[in-house]
Amino acid sequence: MQMQGKPLGDIVHAIDAALPRAGDASGLRRDPLAWLARARRRHGDAFVIGEGAPLLSRAPDCAGVVAVFGADRHRAVLTDIDNYALPISAAQLLDLPAPLQNLNAGLHSMRGEAHGRDKRIVGAALADAGARGDVETLVAAQCARWRRRSAVRLLDAMRALTLTLASRVLFGDAAFATSTLMEYFHLRRAATLGNQGGDADVRAALIRRGLAADAALRAWRRAAHGDGALARLAQNDALSDDAFVAHANVAFISCYEPVAVALTWLVLLLSQRPDVRAALRAAPPDDGSRHGLVERVVDEALRVLTPNALMVRVTAAPVVLAGAALPRGSEIVLCPFLAHRDPRTFAQPRRFSPSRWLGTRPSPFDYFPFGAGGHACVGRALALRLVGDAVAALARCADIVLAGDQAVDWRVHIMLLPTHDPVVRFRGVRRAAEGGAIFGGLLRLVDFKEQ
């Protein structure tokens, strides 16, 4: 069976008829993860979801949508960035001015030598970012404020905390008004998800904020100093101003929402496991080994409730994948959420069990919360460090529990998110606090029983 994305020239105009068709996809948008799991059981590891219209990419010329599973197929798609491209950005979709399209570009729009060069430069700057002591101080200050409140919205709290941490790690002590980037990010997302890109007032506001973000990053580069990762990037003469702006904006946004969502799920999981909270609290602050407790807890949370539940690539040319010919413009859907629950790789996949990582060593195409291959998240190491340092500091500063029994469900809204923001309490750590229990849809995804 052909696994690699073998180019075929321009001879394929429709998805291979030999691939199984999944049929009725009416429930896909309502519950994509369950729908994909059922379709995989019926049709195997490669099947057609639909033809002639996109599912996730919004590509206007989409030939159809194909779902693929299994490490071999994941590897074929994720390592071949020439034949399997990222979908067009929201800025391209909305036909925004060139500076705003550049803000969204980062490494995603690059190919060949330039992609490899900039990936090494950006990766080195982000990998060297160090703020462990600052994380501890910033988390302690936030926890002190949250402990004075009777209840806190968890996702809101983790977003606020992550914004503070990402600003410190990336911009360091060189002041930058990150609110400019955040305003543009939220406006662009709302315009895309709400199909408001054609509204003249929305578009004008989006362009204004985007141009302000572009100008602010360019001005900051000229004056950049200090110890942040982006200050080091700003001083690299190999990067043009356009490249710096693109990489800086993408790095900041990538360190914001995905980290905030990962921390939300992690704290929610820990709220049901007082034994793990106590163990984290007792772990030494420098527990930074690859298989230390903090790392095992983070790896397991990213496995069982990965924010990046669905991924998409688009064929840039006709290819053969899994023995089937696919035309240019085919949308390829991969599902890390289901890959992370394959019982052949992860025994008792619903169980939240950090100890599994003492013996589990999945391939990067069986477990890929940050993607894999050529377009894997260049800030993976930084994001993991931020999440790990933050959760370790949170465990030492407070015992975080649910404020009463709560129904917790989930939805896929770009990322895997709680349907409603859970309410938690931050309590002192001298003795474990009593907290509420989770009921509702999340219990279909996670088994909290201790081993």
Protein backbone atom coordinates (compact mmCIF):
# COMPACT_ATOMS: atom_id res chain seq x y z
CA MET A 1 0.00 0.00 0.00
CA GLN A 2 1.40 3.40 -1.02
CA MET A 3 1.75 5.63 2.06
CA GLN A 4 3.82 8.53 0.78
CA GLY A 5 2.26 11.51 -0.94
CA LYS A 6 3.55 10.58 -4.39
CA PRO A 7 3.03 13.47 -6.86
CA LEU A 8 1.06 12.57 -9.98
CA GLY A 9 1.27 15.71 -12.07
CA ASP A 10 -2.06 17.21 -13.11
CA ILE A 11 -3.92 14.07 -14.10
CA VAL A 12 -6.25 13.55 -11.13
CA HIS A 13 -9.50 15.48 -11.02
CA ALA A 14 -11.57 13.55 -8.45
CA ILE A 15 -10.97 11.56 -5.28
CA ASP A 16 -10.26 7.91 -6.00
CA ALA A 17 -13.54 5.97 -6.21
CA ALA A 18 -11.89 3.05 -4.38
CA LEU A 19 -11.80 4.99 -1.11
CA PRO A 20 -14.83 4.24 1.12
CA ARG A 21 -17.42 7.03 1.37
CA ALA A 22 -18.61 7.73 4.92
CA GLY A 23 -22.08 8.74 3.78
CA ASP A 24 -24.33 10.91 5.95
CA ALA A 25 -22.18 13.54 7.67
CA SER A 26 -25.04 15.49 9.27
CA GLY A 27 -23.74 14.83 12.79
CA LEU A 28 -20.14 15.74 12.02
CA ARG A 29 -20.21 19.38 13.04
CA ARG A 30 -22.28 18.67 16.14
CA ASP A 31 -19.90 16.01 17.50
CA PRO A 32 -16.92 15.62 15.15
CA LEU A 33 -14.87 13.37 17.42
CA ALA A 34 -17.60 10.80 17.99
CA TRP A 35 -18.61 10.94 14.31
CA LEU A 36 -15.02 10.31 13.17
CA ALA A 37 -14.62 7.44 15.66
CA ARG A 38 -17.77 5.74 14.35
CA ALA A 39 -16.79 6.29 10.73
CA ARG A 40 -13.33 4.86 11.36
CA ARG A 41 -14.82 1.71 12.89
CA ARG A 42 -17.02 1.25 9.82
CA HIS A 43 -14.66 2.26 7.02
CA GLY A 44 -11.09 1.78 8.27
CA ASP A 45 -8.14 4.13 8.41
CA ALA A 46 -8.85 6.18 5.27
CA PHE A 47 -12.24 7.30 3.98
CA VAL A 48 -13.98 10.17 2.22
CA ILE A 49 -16.07 12.49 4.40
CA GLY A 50 -17.45 14.54 1.54
CA GLU A 51 -16.72 15.89 -1.93
CA GLY A 52 -16.74 19.33 -3.50
CA ALA A 53 -16.78 21.37 -0.28
CA PRO A 54 -14.35 21.99 2.61
CA LEU A 55 -14.84 20.96 6.22
CA LEU A 56 -12.13 22.81 8.17
CA SER A 57 -9.99 24.63 5.60
CA ARG A 58 -12.66 26.92 4.03
CA ALA A 59 -10.75 26.55 0.75
CA PRO A 60 -12.97 27.87 -2.07
CA ASP A 61 -11.72 25.24 -4.56
CA CYS A 62 -11.81 22.21 -2.26
CA ALA A 63 -12.01 18.89 -4.15
CA GLY A 64 -13.28 17.02 -1.09
CA VAL A 65 -12.40 15.89 2.41
CA VAL A 66 -10.54 12.71 3.35
CA ALA A 67 -9.89 11.48 6.91
CA VAL A 68 -6.77 9.39 7.58
CA PHE A 69 -5.62 7.50 10.68
CA GLY A 70 -2.59 5.51 11.72
CA ALA A 71 1.06 6.45 12.24
CA ASP A 72 2.12 5.60 8.67
CA ARG A 73 -0.49 7.88 7.12
CA HIS A 74 0.14 10.61 9.68
CA ARG A 75 3.85 10.44 8.83
CA ALA A 76 3.16 10.62 5.08
CA VAL A 77 1.04 13.75 5.45
CA LEU A 78 2.94 15.60 8.16
CA THR A 79 6.48 15.14 6.84
CA ASP A 80 5.74 16.22 3.26
CA ILE A 81 5.13 19.96 3.52
CA ASP A 82 5.43 20.48 -0.24
CA ASN A 83 2.54 18.18 -1.18
CA TYR A 84 0.50 18.63 2.03
CA ALA A 85 0.27 22.33 2.83
CA LEU A 86 -1.37 24.18 5.66
CA PRO A 87 -4.75 25.66 4.66
CA ILE A 88 -4.96 29.31 3.72
CA SER A 89 -4.89 31.66 6.69
CA ALA A 90 -7.84 33.65 7.96
CA ALA A 91 -6.19 36.81 6.63
CA GLN A 92 -5.96 35.27 3.13
CA LEU A 93 -9.52 34.00 3.38
CA LEU A 94 -10.73 37.51 4.27
CA ASP A 95 -8.48 39.03 1.57
CA LEU A 96 -6.91 41.43 4.07
CA PRO A 97 -4.09 43.81 3.06
CA ALA A 98 -0.58 42.39 2.64
CA PRO A 99 0.76 43.51 6.06
CA LEU A 100 -2.09 41.63 7.78
CA GLN A 101 -1.52 38.52 5.68
CA ASN A 102 2.12 38.71 6.74
CA LEU A 103 1.07 38.87 10.42
CA ASN A 104 -0.50 35.43 9.98
CA ALA A 105 2.31 33.94 7.95
CA GLY A 106 5.16 32.92 10.27
CA LEU A 107 6.82 29.72 9.08
CA HIS A 108 3.57 28.43 7.58
CA SER A 109 3.93 30.20 4.24
CA MET A 110 7.60 29.30 3.74
CA ARG A 111 9.09 26.44 1.77
CA GLY A 112 12.48 24.93 1.08
CA GLU A 113 15.70 26.55 2.26
CA ALA A 114 14.04 29.67 3.69
CA HIS A 115 11.68 27.55 5.80
CA GLY A 116 14.56 25.48 7.23
CA ARG A 117 16.69 28.55 7.95
CA ASP A 118 13.97 30.52 9.73
CA LYS A 119 12.78 27.44 11.62
CA ARG A 120 16.28 27.00 13.05
CA ILE A 121 16.52 30.69 13.97
CA VAL A 122 13.09 30.89 15.60
CA GLY A 123 13.44 27.50 17.26
CA ALA A 124 16.77 28.44 18.83
CA ALA A 125 15.40 31.74 20.17
CA LEU A 126 12.33 30.10 21.71
CA ALA A 127 14.23 27.10 23.07
CA ASP A 128 16.64 29.40 24.93
CA ALA A 129 13.83 31.39 26.56
CA GLY A 130 14.06 30.93 30.28
CA ALA A 131 11.70 32.32 32.90
CA ARG A 132 11.23 29.56 35.48
CA GLY A 133 11.84 31.89 38.42
CA ASP A 134 9.58 34.51 36.90
CA VAL A 135 6.84 31.93 36.35
CA GLU A 136 6.90 31.01 40.04
CA THR A 137 6.67 34.67 41.09
CA LEU A 138 3.94 35.56 38.60
CA VAL A 139 1.84 32.49 39.44
CA ALA A 140 2.18 33.15 43.18
CA ALA A 141 0.98 36.74 42.71
CA GLN A 142 -2.05 35.61 40.69
CA CYS A 143 -2.90 32.83 43.15
CA ALA A 144 -2.83 35.30 46.04
CA ARG A 145 -5.49 37.35 44.27
CA TRP A 146 -7.59 34.33 43.34
CA ARG A 147 -7.52 32.93 46.89
CA ARG A 148 -9.27 36.08 48.08
CA ARG A 149 -12.22 35.33 45.80
CA SER A 150 -14.93 32.81 46.57
CA ALA A 151 -15.02 31.48 43.01
CA VAL A 152 -13.04 31.91 39.80
CA ARG A 153 -13.86 31.09 36.16
CA LEU A 154 -11.12 28.64 35.26
CA LEU A 155 -10.62 29.29 31.53
CA ASP A 156 -10.72 33.06 32.08
CA ALA A 157 -8.15 32.69 34.86
CA MET A 158 -5.81 30.54 32.78
CA ARG A 159 -6.05 32.94 29.86
CA ALA A 160 -5.12 35.85 32.12
CA LEU A 161 -2.24 33.89 33.63
CA THR A 162 -0.96 32.68 30.26
CA LEU A 163 -1.07 36.19 28.81
CA THR A 164 1.13 37.38 31.68
CA LEU A 165 3.55 34.46 31.33
CA ALA A 166 3.80 34.63 27.52
CA SER A 167 4.41 38.39 27.65
CA ARG A 168 7.23 37.93 30.16
CA VAL A 169 8.91 35.01 28.39
CA LEU A 170 8.69 36.46 24.88
CA PHE A 171 9.12 40.20 25.44
CA GLY A 172 11.07 40.01 28.69
CA ASP A 173 11.61 43.26 30.53
CA ALA A 174 11.39 45.31 27.33
CA ALA A 175 7.89 46.78 27.54
CA PHE A 176 5.41 45.92 24.79
CA ALA A 177 1.65 46.50 24.76
CA THR A 178 0.50 42.96 24.01
CA SER A 179 -3.10 44.20 24.08
CA THR A 180 -2.51 45.40 20.50
CA LEU A 181 -1.82 41.83 19.35
CA MET A 182 -4.69 40.43 21.42
CA GLU A 183 -7.23 42.87 20.01
CA TYR A 184 -6.30 41.95 16.45
CA PHE A 185 -6.32 38.22 17.27
CA HIS A 186 -9.82 38.34 18.77
CA LEU A 187 -11.25 40.54 15.99
CA ARG A 188 -9.81 38.29 13.27
CA ARG A 189 -11.10 35.13 14.91
CA ALA A 190 -14.57 36.62 15.42
CA ALA A 191 -14.72 37.84 11.81
CA THR A 192 -13.75 34.41 10.51
CA LEU A 193 -15.91 32.24 12.75
CA GLY A 194 -18.90 34.55 12.51
CA ASN A 195 -18.60 34.95 8.72
CA GLN A 196 -18.45 38.71 9.22
CA GLY A 197 -15.53 39.31 6.87
CA GLY A 198 -17.81 41.08 4.39
CA ASP A 199 -19.19 43.54 6.95
CA ALA A 200 -17.61 46.93 6.12
CA ASP A 201 -17.41 48.14 9.74
CA VAL A 202 -15.93 44.83 10.97
CA ARG A 203 -13.42 44.81 8.15
CA ALA A 204 -12.37 48.42 8.77
CA ALA A 205 -11.84 47.74 12.50
CA LEU A 206 -9.90 44.58 11.70
CA ILE A 207 -7.59 46.38 9.28
CA ARG A 208 -7.03 49.25 11.74
CA ARG A 209 -6.07 46.88 14.56
CA GLY A 210 -3.93 44.73 12.28
CA LEU A 211 -1.96 47.69 10.96
CA ALA A 212 -1.50 48.91 14.55
CA ALA A 213 -0.14 45.49 15.56
CA ASP A 214 2.21 45.45 12.57
CA ALA A 215 3.50 48.96 13.36
CA ALA A 216 3.94 48.17 17.06
CA LEU A 217 6.06 45.09 16.36
CA ARG A 218 8.23 46.96 13.86
CA ALA A 219 8.78 49.81 16.33
CA TRP A 220 9.54 47.35 19.14
CA ARG A 221 12.16 45.61 17.01
CA ARG A 222 14.01 48.87 16.44
CA ALA A 223 14.20 49.48 20.20
CA ALA A 224 14.35 45.86 21.36
CA HIS A 225 16.48 45.01 24.37
CA GLY A 226 16.26 42.83 27.44
CA ASP A 227 16.08 39.12 28.06
CA GLY A 228 12.97 37.97 26.20
CA ALA A 229 13.06 35.38 23.44
CA LEU A 230 11.78 37.89 20.88
CA ALA A 231 14.50 40.38 21.79
CA ARG A 232 17.05 37.80 20.65
CA LEU A 233 15.02 37.21 17.51
CA ALA A 234 14.83 40.97 16.86
CA GLN A 235 18.61 41.25 16.94
CA ASN A 236 19.13 38.57 14.29
CA ASP A 237 20.12 40.35 11.07
CA ALA A 238 19.23 37.29 8.97
CA LEU A 239 15.54 38.13 9.43
CA SER A 240 13.86 40.91 7.49
CA ASP A 241 11.40 43.18 9.29
CA ASP A 242 8.53 41.33 7.60
CA ALA A 243 9.88 37.99 8.79
CA PHE A 244 10.38 39.24 12.35
CA VAL A 245 6.84 40.65 12.54
CA ALA A 246 5.34 37.40 11.21
CA HIS A 247 7.36 35.13 13.52
CA ALA A 248 6.83 37.34 16.58
CA ASN A 249 3.06 37.55 16.17
CA VAL A 250 2.64 33.82 15.49
CA ALA A 251 4.94 32.92 18.43
CA PHE A 252 2.93 35.11 20.79
CA ILE A 253 -0.48 33.81 19.73
CA SER A 254 0.83 30.21 19.78
CA CYS A 255 2.03 30.71 23.34
CA TYR A 256 -1.29 32.20 24.42
CA GLU A 257 -4.48 30.32 23.57
CA PRO A 258 -3.10 26.74 23.23
CA VAL A 259 -1.22 27.04 26.54
CA ALA A 260 -4.24 28.59 28.30
CA VAL A 261 -6.53 25.80 27.08
CA ALA A 262 -3.99 23.10 28.02
CA LEU A 263 -3.71 24.56 31.53
CA THR A 264 -7.50 24.70 31.84
CA TRP A 265 -7.90 21.00 31.06
CA LEU A 266 -4.92 20.12 33.23
CA VAL A 267 -6.26 21.95 36.30
CA LEU A 268 -9.69 20.44 35.70
CA LEU A 269 -8.21 16.93 35.55
CA LEU A 270 -6.20 17.56 38.72
CA SER A 271 -9.31 18.83 40.52
CA GLN A 272 -10.54 15.22 40.49
CA ARG A 273 -7.23 13.71 41.59
CA PRO A 274 -6.16 14.96 45.05
CA ASP A 275 -3.43 12.31 45.09
CA VAL A 276 -1.73 13.80 42.03
CA ARG A 277 -2.14 17.35 43.35
CA ALA A 278 -0.45 16.32 46.60
CA ALA A 279 2.37 14.58 44.73
CA LEU A 280 2.97 17.66 42.57
CA ARG A 281 3.04 19.84 45.66
CA ALA A 282 5.68 17.59 47.23
CA ALA A 283 7.82 17.34 44.08
CA PRO A 284 11.07 19.35 44.14
CA PRO A 285 10.82 22.70 42.32
CA ASP A 286 13.55 21.66 39.89
CA ASP A 287 11.80 18.45 38.85
CA GLY A 288 12.73 19.01 35.24
CA SER A 289 13.80 15.58 34.05
CA ARG A 290 12.09 14.29 30.93
CA HIS A 291 10.31 11.63 32.95
CA GLY A 292 9.78 13.61 36.13
CA LEU A 293 6.33 13.83 37.69
CA VAL A 294 5.50 17.24 36.22
CA GLU A 295 6.37 16.07 32.71
CA ARG A 296 4.33 12.88 33.10
CA VAL A 297 1.28 14.83 34.28
CA VAL A 298 1.58 17.29 31.37
CA ASP A 299 2.10 14.54 28.79
CA GLU A 300 -0.94 12.64 30.06
CA ALA A 301 -3.18 15.72 30.12
CA LEU A 302 -2.16 16.55 26.54
CA ARG A 303 -2.92 12.97 25.57
CA VAL A 304 -6.35 12.57 27.13
CA LEU A 305 -7.66 16.10 26.43
CA THR A 306 -5.45 17.50 23.71
CA PRO A 307 -6.48 21.06 22.76
CA ASN A 308 -5.37 20.39 19.18
CA ALA A 309 -8.05 17.74 18.63
CA LEU A 310 -8.25 18.09 14.84
CA MET A 311 -5.65 19.00 12.23
CA VAL A 312 -5.98 19.71 8.53
CA ARG A 313 -3.71 19.79 5.50
CA VAL A 314 -4.55 20.51 1.87
CA THR A 315 -2.95 18.76 -1.09
CA ALA A 316 -0.91 21.23 -3.15
CA ALA A 317 -0.78 18.80 -6.11
CA PRO A 318 -2.37 15.49 -7.08
CA VAL A 319 -0.92 12.72 -4.90
CA VAL A 320 -1.30 9.09 -3.94
CA LEU A 321 -2.07 8.53 -0.25
CA ALA A 322 -2.88 5.15 1.30
CA GLY A 323 -3.07 3.67 -2.19
CA ALA A 324 -5.66 6.19 -3.39
CA ALA A 325 -5.25 9.00 -5.92
CA LEU A 326 -6.28 12.42 -4.61
CA PRO A 327 -6.55 15.62 -6.65
CA ARG A 328 -5.04 18.96 -5.83
CA GLY A 329 -7.14 20.81 -3.24
CA SER A 330 -8.13 17.73 -1.25
CA GLU A 331 -8.57 18.49 2.44
CA ILE A 332 -6.88 15.89 4.65
CA VAL A 333 -8.21 15.61 8.21
CA LEU A 334 -6.10 14.09 10.99
CA CYS A 335 -7.37 13.61 14.53
CA PRO A 336 -4.77 13.70 17.32
CA PHE A 337 -7.61 13.24 19.82
CA LEU A 338 -8.43 9.77 18.45
CA ALA A 339 -4.79 8.89 17.79
CA HIS A 340 -4.08 9.52 21.46
CA ARG A 341 -6.85 7.08 22.39
CA ASP A 342 -5.78 4.16 20.26
CA PRO A 343 -5.71 1.18 22.66
CA ARG A 344 -2.92 -0.44 20.63
CA THR A 345 -0.62 2.35 21.78
CA PHE A 346 -2.26 3.49 25.02
CA ALA A 347 -3.79 0.84 27.27
CA GLN A 348 -7.05 1.91 28.97
CA PRO A 349 -7.03 5.07 26.85
CA ARG A 350 -9.82 6.87 28.75
CA ARG A 351 -7.97 6.64 32.04
CA PHE A 352 -6.06 9.69 33.25
CA SER A 353 -2.89 7.94 34.36
CA PRO A 354 0.34 9.99 34.46
CA SER A 355 2.26 6.88 35.52
CA ARG A 356 1.75 5.34 32.05
CA TRP A 357 4.56 7.60 30.81
CA LEU A 358 7.12 5.69 32.88
CA GLY A 359 6.89 2.95 30.26
CA THR A 360 5.08 4.41 27.23
CA ARG A 361 7.18 5.74 24.36
CA PRO A 362 4.83 6.43 21.45
CA SER A 363 6.15 7.51 18.06
CA PRO A 364 5.77 11.20 17.11
CA PHE A 365 3.01 10.13 14.70
CA ASP A 366 1.00 8.28 17.36
CA TYR A 367 1.24 11.14 19.87
CA PHE A 368 1.45 14.64 18.40
CA PRO A 369 -0.28 17.31 20.51
CA PHE A 370 1.88 19.98 18.83
CA GLY A 371 1.81 18.47 15.37
CA ALA A 372 4.75 16.66 13.80
CA GLY A 373 6.96 16.82 10.75
CA GLY A 374 7.86 19.98 8.88
CA HIS A 375 5.05 22.12 10.27
CA ALA A 376 5.28 20.91 13.87
CA CYS A 377 4.96 23.79 16.32
CA VAL A 378 8.37 25.43 16.49
CA GLY A 379 7.56 26.62 20.02
CA ARG A 380 6.79 23.10 21.31
CA ALA A 381 9.64 23.09 23.85
CA LEU A 382 8.69 26.55 25.13
CA ALA A 383 4.99 25.68 25.37
CA LEU A 384 5.75 22.48 27.28
CA ARG A 385 8.01 24.38 29.65
CA LEU A 386 5.40 27.08 30.20
CA VAL A 387 2.67 24.54 30.92
CA GLY A 388 4.91 22.45 33.18
CA ASP A 389 6.33 25.38 35.13
CA ALA A 390 2.89 26.92 35.51
CA VAL A 391 1.15 23.77 36.76
CA ALA A 392 3.99 23.01 39.18
CA ALA A 393 3.82 26.56 40.54
CA LEU A 394 0.02 26.42 40.77
CA ALA A 395 0.22 23.19 42.78
CA ARG A 396 2.65 24.77 45.23
CA CYS A 397 0.65 28.00 45.58
CA ALA A 398 -2.91 26.70 45.89
CA ASP A 399 -5.12 23.64 46.06
CA ILE A 400 -7.52 24.18 43.14
CA VAL A 401 -10.88 22.42 43.37
CA LEU A 402 -14.28 22.68 41.72
CA ALA A 403 -16.67 25.06 43.43
CA GLY A 404 -19.34 22.39 43.91
CA ASP A 405 -20.45 19.53 41.68
CA GLN A 406 -20.60 20.67 38.04
CA ALA A 407 -21.62 19.34 34.65
CA VAL A 408 -18.62 19.68 32.35
CA ASP A 409 -18.96 19.07 28.63
CA TRP A 410 -16.79 19.95 25.67
CA ARG A 411 -16.91 21.29 22.13
CA VAL A 412 -14.49 21.68 19.23
CA HIS A 413 -14.25 25.41 18.55
CA ILE A 414 -10.95 25.54 16.66
CA MET A 415 -9.59 23.79 19.76
CA LEU A 416 -11.11 21.34 22.25
CA LEU A 417 -12.70 23.60 24.87
CA PRO A 418 -15.09 23.23 27.81
CA THR A 419 -18.62 24.06 26.69
CA HIS A 420 -19.01 26.31 29.74
CA ASP A 421 -16.21 27.79 31.79
CA PRO A 422 -15.88 25.67 34.98
CA VAL A 423 -15.94 27.48 38.32
CA VAL A 424 -13.11 26.69 40.74
CA ARG A 425 -11.82 27.75 44.13
CA PHE A 426 -8.20 28.46 45.01
CA ARG A 427 -7.54 27.23 48.55
CA GLY A 428 -4.50 27.16 50.79
CA VAL A 429 -2.15 24.19 50.50
CA ARG A 430 -1.67 23.28 54.16
CA ARG A 431 -4.26 20.58 53.78
CA ALA A 432 -6.08 19.23 50.75
CA ALA A 433 -9.38 21.02 50.12
CA GLU A 434 -12.68 19.27 49.53
CA GLY A 435 -13.97 19.96 46.05
CA GLY A 436 -16.88 19.27 43.78
CA ALA A 437 -17.21 16.33 41.40
CA ILE A 438 -17.51 16.40 37.62
CA PHE A 439 -20.54 14.94 35.91
CA GLY A 440 -21.80 15.27 32.34
CA GLY A 441 -20.20 14.73 28.95
CA LEU A 442 -16.58 14.88 30.07
CA LEU A 443 -17.00 11.54 31.84
CA ARG A 444 -17.47 9.93 28.43
CA LEU A 445 -13.95 11.05 27.58
CA VAL A 446 -12.05 10.60 30.84
CA ASP A 447 -11.91 7.98 33.57
CA PHE A 448 -10.60 9.57 36.77
CA LYS A 449 -10.23 6.37 38.79
CA GLU A 450 -6.92 5.95 40.56
CA GLN A 451 -4.89 2.94 39.57
